[in-house]
Amino acid sequence: MRVCSRLTWVLVGLFAVRLVIMLPLYLAGEVAWLGITKIALGWPAYIVAIAIMGFMLSVGRTPVEGPEQA
């Protein structure tokens, strides 16, 4: 359960970074910079987030509980 929560926080962090960077550009009307950041924070950022999540899954330790412990 903890590993899944941490994986979710990786995606929340990605969306928070996108919001913090792109919202001021949108409000300022900076169309060119908004397009550049949209591309940079699109698929490349998702690939980095998936790589981080894959690393977290490979390192994460989830104990297996038997029926008598549950």
PDB file of N, CA and C in Angstrom:
ATOM      1  N   MET A   1       0.817  -1.194   0.000  1.00  0.00           N
ATOM      2  CA  MET A   1       0.000   0.000   0.000  1.00  0.00           C
ATOM      3  C   MET A   1       0.861   1.259   0.000  1.00  0.00           C
ATOM      4  N   ARG A   2       1.954   1.237   0.754  1.00  0.00           N
ATOM      5  CA  ARG A   2       2.832   2.404   0.805  1.00  0.00           C
ATOM      6  C   ARG A   2       3.493   2.667  -0.534  1.00  0.00           C
ATOM      7  N   VAL A   3       3.883   1.599  -1.207  1.00  0.00           N
ATOM      8  CA  VAL A   3       4.531   1.752  -2.507  1.00  0.00           C
ATOM      9  C   VAL A   3       3.557   2.388  -3.492  1.00  0.00           C
ATOM     10  N   CYS A   4       2.325   1.950  -3.490  1.00  0.00           N
ATOM     11  CA  CYS A   4       1.319   2.515  -4.397  1.00  0.00           C
ATOM     12  C   CYS A   4       1.073   3.986  -4.082  1.00  0.00           C
ATOM     13  N   SER A   5       1.074   4.344  -2.828  1.00  0.00           N
ATOM     14  CA  SER A   5       0.895   5.748  -2.452  1.00  0.00           C
ATOM     15  C   SER A   5       2.058   6.591  -2.954  1.00  0.00           C
ATOM     16  N   ARG A   6       3.257   6.078  -2.834  1.00  0.00           N
ATOM     17  CA  ARG A   6       4.426   6.815  -3.320  1.00  0.00           C
ATOM     18  C   ARG A   6       4.415   6.942  -4.836  1.00  0.00           C
ATOM     19  N   LEU A   7       3.946   5.907  -5.520  1.00  0.00           N
ATOM     20  CA  LEU A   7       3.843   5.981  -6.973  1.00  0.00           C
ATOM     21  C   LEU A   7       2.849   7.063  -7.381  1.00  0.00           C
ATOM     22  N   THR A   8       1.767   7.175  -6.638  1.00  0.00           N
ATOM     23  CA  THR A   8       0.784   8.208  -6.922  1.00  0.00           C
ATOM     24  C   THR A   8       1.369   9.594  -6.715  1.00  0.00           C
ATOM     25  N   TRP A   9       2.194   9.740  -5.683  1.00  0.00           N
ATOM     26  CA  TRP A   9       2.808  11.038  -5.419  1.00  0.00           C
ATOM     27  C   TRP A   9       3.775  11.462  -6.524  1.00  0.00           C
ATOM     28  N   VAL A  10       4.375  10.492  -7.210  1.00  0.00           N
ATOM     29  CA  VAL A  10       5.237  10.833  -8.344  1.00  0.00           C
ATOM     30  C   VAL A  10       4.408  11.522  -9.427  1.00  0.00           C
ATOM     31  N   LEU A  11       3.243  10.974  -9.722  1.00  0.00           N
ATOM     32  CA  LEU A  11       2.379  11.594 -10.729  1.00  0.00           C
ATOM     33  C   LEU A  11       1.819  12.927 -10.241  1.00  0.00           C
ATOM     34  N   VAL A  12       1.477  13.026  -8.974  1.00  0.00           N
ATOM     35  CA  VAL A  12       0.998  14.298  -8.424  1.00  0.00           C
ATOM     36  C   VAL A  12       2.090  15.354  -8.549  1.00  0.00           C
ATOM     37  N   GLY A  13       3.319  14.973  -8.278  1.00  0.00           N
ATOM     38  CA  GLY A  13       4.440  15.897  -8.422  1.00  0.00           C
ATOM     39  C   GLY A  13       4.619  16.366  -9.857  1.00  0.00           C
ATOM     40  N   LEU A  14       4.465  15.442 -10.803  1.00  0.00           N
ATOM     41  CA  LEU A  14       4.582  15.803 -12.211  1.00  0.00           C
ATOM     42  C   LEU A  14       3.513  16.824 -12.596  1.00  0.00           C
ATOM     43  N   PHE A  15       2.278  16.577 -12.204  1.00  0.00           N
ATOM     44  CA  PHE A  15       1.207  17.513 -12.541  1.00  0.00           C
ATOM     45  C   PHE A  15       1.370  18.845 -11.808  1.00  0.00           C
ATOM     46  N   ALA A  16       1.895  18.825 -10.594  1.00  0.00           N
ATOM     47  CA  ALA A  16       2.126  20.070  -9.860  1.00  0.00           C
ATOM     48  C   ALA A  16       3.207  20.906 -10.549  1.00  0.00           C
ATOM     49  N   VAL A  17       4.262  20.259 -11.011  1.00  0.00           N
ATOM     50  CA  VAL A  17       5.320  20.977 -11.728  1.00  0.00           C
ATOM     51  C   VAL A  17       4.765  21.587 -13.008  1.00  0.00           C
ATOM     52  N   ARG A  18       3.963  20.810 -13.726  1.00  0.00           N
ATOM     53  CA  ARG A  18       3.359  21.329 -14.958  1.00  0.00           C
ATOM     54  C   ARG A  18       2.481  22.544 -14.663  1.00  0.00           C
ATOM     55  N   LEU A  19       1.698  22.478 -13.603  1.00  0.00           N
ATOM     56  CA  LEU A  19       0.814  23.585 -13.244  1.00  0.00           C
ATOM     57  C   LEU A  19       1.607  24.831 -12.863  1.00  0.00           C
ATOM     58  N   VAL A  20       2.624  24.653 -12.039  1.00  0.00           N
ATOM     59  CA  VAL A  20       3.418  25.788 -11.562  1.00  0.00           C
ATOM     60  C   VAL A  20       4.153  26.473 -12.713  1.00  0.00           C
ATOM     61  N   ILE A  21       4.597  25.707 -13.690  1.00  0.00           N
ATOM     62  CA  ILE A  21       5.344  26.288 -14.800  1.00  0.00           C
ATOM     63  C   ILE A  21       4.422  26.836 -15.886  1.00  0.00           C
ATOM     64  N   MET A  22       3.377  26.099 -16.219  1.00  0.00           N
ATOM     65  CA  MET A  22       2.569  26.467 -17.383  1.00  0.00           C
ATOM     66  C   MET A  22       1.483  27.508 -17.089  1.00  0.00           C
ATOM     67  N   LEU A  23       0.949  27.551 -15.892  1.00  0.00           N
ATOM     68  CA  LEU A  23      -0.117  28.503 -15.587  1.00  0.00           C
ATOM     69  C   LEU A  23       0.343  29.955 -15.712  1.00  0.00           C
ATOM     70  N   PRO A  24       1.486  30.333 -15.155  1.00  0.00           N
ATOM     71  CA  PRO A  24       1.920  31.727 -15.348  1.00  0.00           C
ATOM     72  C   PRO A  24       2.168  32.075 -16.822  1.00  0.00           C
ATOM     73  N   LEU A  25       2.678  31.126 -17.586  1.00  0.00           N
ATOM     74  CA  LEU A  25       2.887  31.379 -19.012  1.00  0.00           C
ATOM     75  C   LEU A  25       1.559  31.570 -19.726  1.00  0.00           C
ATOM     76  N   TYR A  26       0.567  30.788 -19.360  1.00  0.00           N
ATOM     77  CA  TYR A  26      -0.765  30.918 -19.956  1.00  0.00           C
ATOM     78  C   TYR A  26      -1.385  32.267 -19.611  1.00  0.00           C
ATOM     79  N   LEU A  27      -1.289  32.637 -18.343  1.00  0.00           N
ATOM     80  CA  LEU A  27      -1.879  33.903 -17.908  1.00  0.00           C
ATOM     81  C   LEU A  27      -1.163  35.114 -18.503  1.00  0.00           C
ATOM     82  N   ALA A  28       0.137  34.967 -18.784  1.00  0.00           N
ATOM     83  CA  ALA A  28       0.904  36.059 -19.379  1.00  0.00           C
ATOM     84  C   ALA A  28       0.733  36.119 -20.890  1.00  0.00           C
ATOM     85  N   GLY A  29       0.121  35.109 -21.473  1.00  0.00           N
ATOM     86  CA  GLY A  29      -0.085  35.099 -22.906  1.00  0.00           C
ATOM     87  C   GLY A  29       1.169  34.750 -23.704  1.00  0.00           C
ATOM     88  N   GLU A  30       2.106  34.088 -23.076  1.00  0.00           N
ATOM     89  CA  GLU A  30       3.352  33.682 -23.737  1.00  0.00           C
ATOM     90  C   GLU A  30       3.115  32.386 -24.511  1.00  0.00           C
ATOM     91  N   VAL A  31       2.594  32.525 -25.716  1.00  0.00           N
ATOM     92  CA  VAL A  31       2.182  31.361 -26.487  1.00  0.00           C
ATOM     93  C   VAL A  31       3.383  30.509 -26.909  1.00  0.00           C
ATOM     94  N   ALA A  32       4.457  31.140 -27.335  1.00  0.00           N
ATOM     95  CA  ALA A  32       5.627  30.385 -27.793  1.00  0.00           C
ATOM     96  C   ALA A  32       6.247  29.584 -26.646  1.00  0.00           C
ATOM     97  N   TRP A  33       6.459  30.237 -25.521  1.00  0.00           N
ATOM     98  CA  TRP A  33       7.044  29.534 -24.375  1.00  0.00           C
ATOM     99  C   TRP A  33       6.101  28.470 -23.830  1.00  0.00           C
ATOM    100  N   LEU A  34       4.822  28.733 -23.897  1.00  0.00           N
ATOM    101  CA  LEU A  34       3.839  27.752 -23.443  1.00  0.00           C
ATOM    102  C   LEU A  34       3.905  26.507 -24.321  1.00  0.00           C
ATOM    103  N   GLY A  35       4.046  26.686 -25.616  1.00  0.00           N
ATOM    104  CA  GLY A  35       4.176  25.539 -26.514  1.00  0.00           C
ATOM    105  C   GLY A  35       5.438  24.744 -26.259  1.00  0.00           C
ATOM    106  N   ILE A  36       6.540  25.446 -26.019  1.00  0.00           N
ATOM    107  CA  ILE A  36       7.816  24.766 -25.744  1.00  0.00           C
ATOM    108  C   ILE A  36       7.730  23.967 -24.449  1.00  0.00           C
ATOM    109  N   THR A  37       7.180  24.577 -23.398  1.00  0.00           N
ATOM    110  CA  THR A  37       7.085  23.859 -22.124  1.00  0.00           C
ATOM    111  C   THR A  37       6.067  22.727 -22.194  1.00  0.00           C
ATOM    112  N   LYS A  38       5.026  22.907 -23.002  1.00  0.00           N
ATOM    113  CA  LYS A  38       4.043  21.823 -23.152  1.00  0.00           C
ATOM    114  C   LYS A  38       4.692  20.596 -23.784  1.00  0.00           C
ATOM    115  N   ILE A  39       5.552  20.823 -24.763  1.00  0.00           N
ATOM    116  CA  ILE A  39       6.263  19.709 -25.381  1.00  0.00           C
ATOM    117  C   ILE A  39       7.262  19.101 -24.396  1.00  0.00           C
ATOM    118  N   ALA A  40       8.032  19.958 -23.721  1.00  0.00           N
ATOM    119  CA  ALA A  40       9.062  19.464 -22.793  1.00  0.00           C
ATOM    120  C   ALA A  40       8.455  18.749 -21.591  1.00  0.00           C
ATOM    121  N   LEU A  41       7.308  19.213 -21.118  1.00  0.00           N
ATOM    122  CA  LEU A  41       6.682  18.610 -19.943  1.00  0.00           C
ATOM    123  C   LEU A  41       5.607  17.594 -20.328  1.00  0.00           C
ATOM    124  N   GLY A  42       5.567  17.216 -21.581  1.00  0.00           N
ATOM    125  CA  GLY A  42       4.617  16.209 -22.042  1.00  0.00           C
ATOM    126  C   GLY A  42       5.222  14.824 -21.937  1.00  0.00           C
ATOM    127  N   TRP A  43       5.412  14.187 -23.096  1.00  0.00           N
ATOM    128  CA  TRP A  43       5.921  12.814 -23.110  1.00  0.00           C
ATOM    129  C   TRP A  43       7.290  12.649 -22.461  1.00  0.00           C
ATOM    130  N   PRO A  44       8.239  13.561 -22.655  1.00  0.00           N
ATOM    131  CA  PRO A  44       9.529  13.366 -21.961  1.00  0.00           C
ATOM    132  C   PRO A  44       9.390  13.319 -20.441  1.00  0.00           C
ATOM    133  N   ALA A  45       8.545  14.174 -19.897  1.00  0.00           N
ATOM    134  CA  ALA A  45       8.353  14.172 -18.438  1.00  0.00           C
ATOM    135  C   ALA A  45       7.653  12.897 -17.979  1.00  0.00           C
ATOM    136  N   TYR A  46       6.697  12.410 -18.777  1.00  0.00           N
ATOM    137  CA  TYR A  46       6.028  11.154 -18.427  1.00  0.00           C
ATOM    138  C   TYR A  46       7.006   9.980 -18.461  1.00  0.00           C
ATOM    139  N   ILE A  47       7.906   9.977 -19.418  1.00  0.00           N
ATOM    140  CA  ILE A  47       8.899   8.900 -19.494  1.00  0.00           C
ATOM    141  C   ILE A  47       9.794   8.919 -18.262  1.00  0.00           C
ATOM    142  N   VAL A  48      10.199  10.110 -17.836  1.00  0.00           N
ATOM    143  CA  VAL A  48      11.009  10.220 -16.613  1.00  0.00           C
ATOM    144  C   VAL A  48      10.205   9.740 -15.407  1.00  0.00           C
ATOM    145  N   ALA A  49       8.940  10.131 -15.311  1.00  0.00           N
ATOM    146  CA  ALA A  49       8.097   9.702 -14.184  1.00  0.00           C
ATOM    147  C   ALA A  49       7.915   8.189 -14.192  1.00  0.00           C
ATOM    148  N   ILE A  50       7.729   7.595 -15.360  1.00  0.00           N
ATOM    149  CA  ILE A  50       7.576   6.138 -15.440  1.00  0.00           C
ATOM    150  C   ILE A  50       8.878   5.445 -15.057  1.00  0.00           C
ATOM    151  N   ALA A  51      10.015   6.020 -15.438  1.00  0.00           N
ATOM    152  CA  ALA A  51      11.305   5.440 -15.041  1.00  0.00           C
ATOM    153  C   ALA A  51      11.479   5.496 -13.525  1.00  0.00           C
ATOM    154  N   ILE A  52      11.105   6.611 -12.925  1.00  0.00           N
ATOM    155  CA  ILE A  52      11.185   6.739 -11.461  1.00  0.00           C
ATOM    156  C   ILE A  52      10.255   5.733 -10.801  1.00  0.00           C
ATOM    157  N   MET A  53       9.043   5.595 -11.341  1.00  0.00           N
ATOM    158  CA  MET A  53       8.091   4.653 -10.771  1.00  0.00           C
ATOM    159  C   MET A  53       8.584   3.215 -10.928  1.00  0.00           C
ATOM    160  N   GLY A  54       9.192   2.895 -12.054  1.00  0.00           N
ATOM    161  CA  GLY A  54       9.761   1.558 -12.248  1.00  0.00           C
ATOM    162  C   GLY A  54      10.874   1.272 -11.259  1.00  0.00           C
ATOM    163  N   PHE A  55      11.723   2.274 -11.020  1.00  0.00           N
ATOM    164  CA  PHE A  55      12.785   2.111 -10.024  1.00  0.00           C
ATOM    165  C   PHE A  55      12.191   1.904  -8.638  1.00  0.00           C
ATOM    166  N   MET A  56      11.168   2.678  -8.309  1.00  0.00           N
ATOM    167  CA  MET A  56      10.538   2.534  -6.991  1.00  0.00           C
ATOM    168  C   MET A  56       9.904   1.155  -6.830  1.00  0.00           C
ATOM    169  N   LEU A  57       9.320   0.631  -7.904  1.00  0.00           N
ATOM    170  CA  LEU A  57       8.722  -0.702  -7.828  1.00  0.00           C
ATOM    171  C   LEU A  57       9.784  -1.788  -7.689  1.00  0.00           C
ATOM    172  N   SER A  58      10.922  -1.614  -8.338  1.00  0.00           N
ATOM    173  CA  SER A  58      11.960  -2.642  -8.257  1.00  0.00           C
ATOM    174  C   SER A  58      12.651  -2.637  -6.902  1.00  0.00           C
ATOM    175  N   VAL A  59      12.706  -1.492  -6.254  1.00  0.00           N
ATOM    176  CA  VAL A  59      13.376  -1.392  -4.957  1.00  0.00           C
ATOM    177  C   VAL A  59      12.403  -1.598  -3.804  1.00  0.00           C
ATOM    178  N   GLY A  60      11.135  -1.277  -4.017  1.00  0.00           N
ATOM    179  CA  GLY A  60      10.133  -1.341  -2.948  1.00  0.00           C
ATOM    180  C   GLY A  60       9.977  -2.737  -2.384  1.00  0.00           C
ATOM    181  N   ARG A  61       9.791  -2.800  -1.112  1.00  0.00           N
ATOM    182  CA  ARG A  61       9.613  -4.067  -0.423  1.00  0.00           C
ATOM    183  C   ARG A  61       8.181  -4.137   0.098  1.00  0.00           C
ATOM    184  N   THR A  62       7.436  -5.079  -0.424  1.00  0.00           N
ATOM    185  CA  THR A  62       6.071  -5.292   0.044  1.00  0.00           C
ATOM    186  C   THR A  62       6.007  -6.675   0.667  1.00  0.00           C
ATOM    187  N   PRO A  63       5.815  -6.742   1.985  1.00  0.00           N
ATOM    188  CA  PRO A  63       5.764  -8.054   2.625  1.00  0.00           C
ATOM    189  C   PRO A  63       4.528  -8.844   2.183  1.00  0.00           C
ATOM    190  N   VAL A  64       4.738 -10.127   2.001  1.00  0.00           N
ATOM    191  CA  VAL A  64       3.635 -11.010   1.631  1.00  0.00           C
ATOM    192  C   VAL A  64       3.082 -11.604   2.921  1.00  0.00           C
ATOM    193  N   GLU A  65       1.792 -11.366   3.146  1.00  0.00           N
ATOM    194  CA  GLU A  65       1.145 -11.863   4.350  1.00  0.00           C
ATOM    195  C   GLU A  65       0.325 -13.094   4.011  1.00  0.00           C
ATOM    196  N   GLY A  66       0.437 -14.102   4.833  1.00  0.00           N
ATOM    197  CA  GLY A  66      -0.350 -15.302   4.642  1.00  0.00           C
ATOM    198  C   GLY A  66      -1.746 -15.109   5.180  1.00  0.00           C
ATOM    199  N   PRO A  67      -2.639 -16.071   4.945  1.00  0.00           N
ATOM    200  CA  PRO A  67      -4.021 -15.944   5.409  1.00  0.00           C
ATOM    201  C   PRO A  67      -4.135 -15.895   6.934  1.00  0.00           C
ATOM    202  N   GLU A  68      -3.184 -16.525   7.646  1.00  0.00           N
ATOM    203  CA  GLU A  68      -3.265 -16.529   9.101  1.00  0.00           C
ATOM    204  C   GLU A  68      -2.880 -15.174   9.684  1.00  0.00           C
ATOM    205  N   GLN A  69      -2.123 -14.350   8.950  1.00  0.00           N
ATOM    206  CA  GLN A  69      -1.721 -13.032   9.441  1.00  0.00           C
ATOM    207  C   GLN A  69      -2.725 -11.948   9.064  1.00  0.00           C
ATOM    208  N   ALA A  70      -3.542 -12.191   8.082  1.00  0.00           N
ATOM    209  CA  ALA A  70      -4.471 -11.155   7.592  1.00  0.00           C
ATOM    210  C   ALA A  70      -5.678 -10.994   8.467  1.00  0.00           C
TER     211      ALA A  70
END
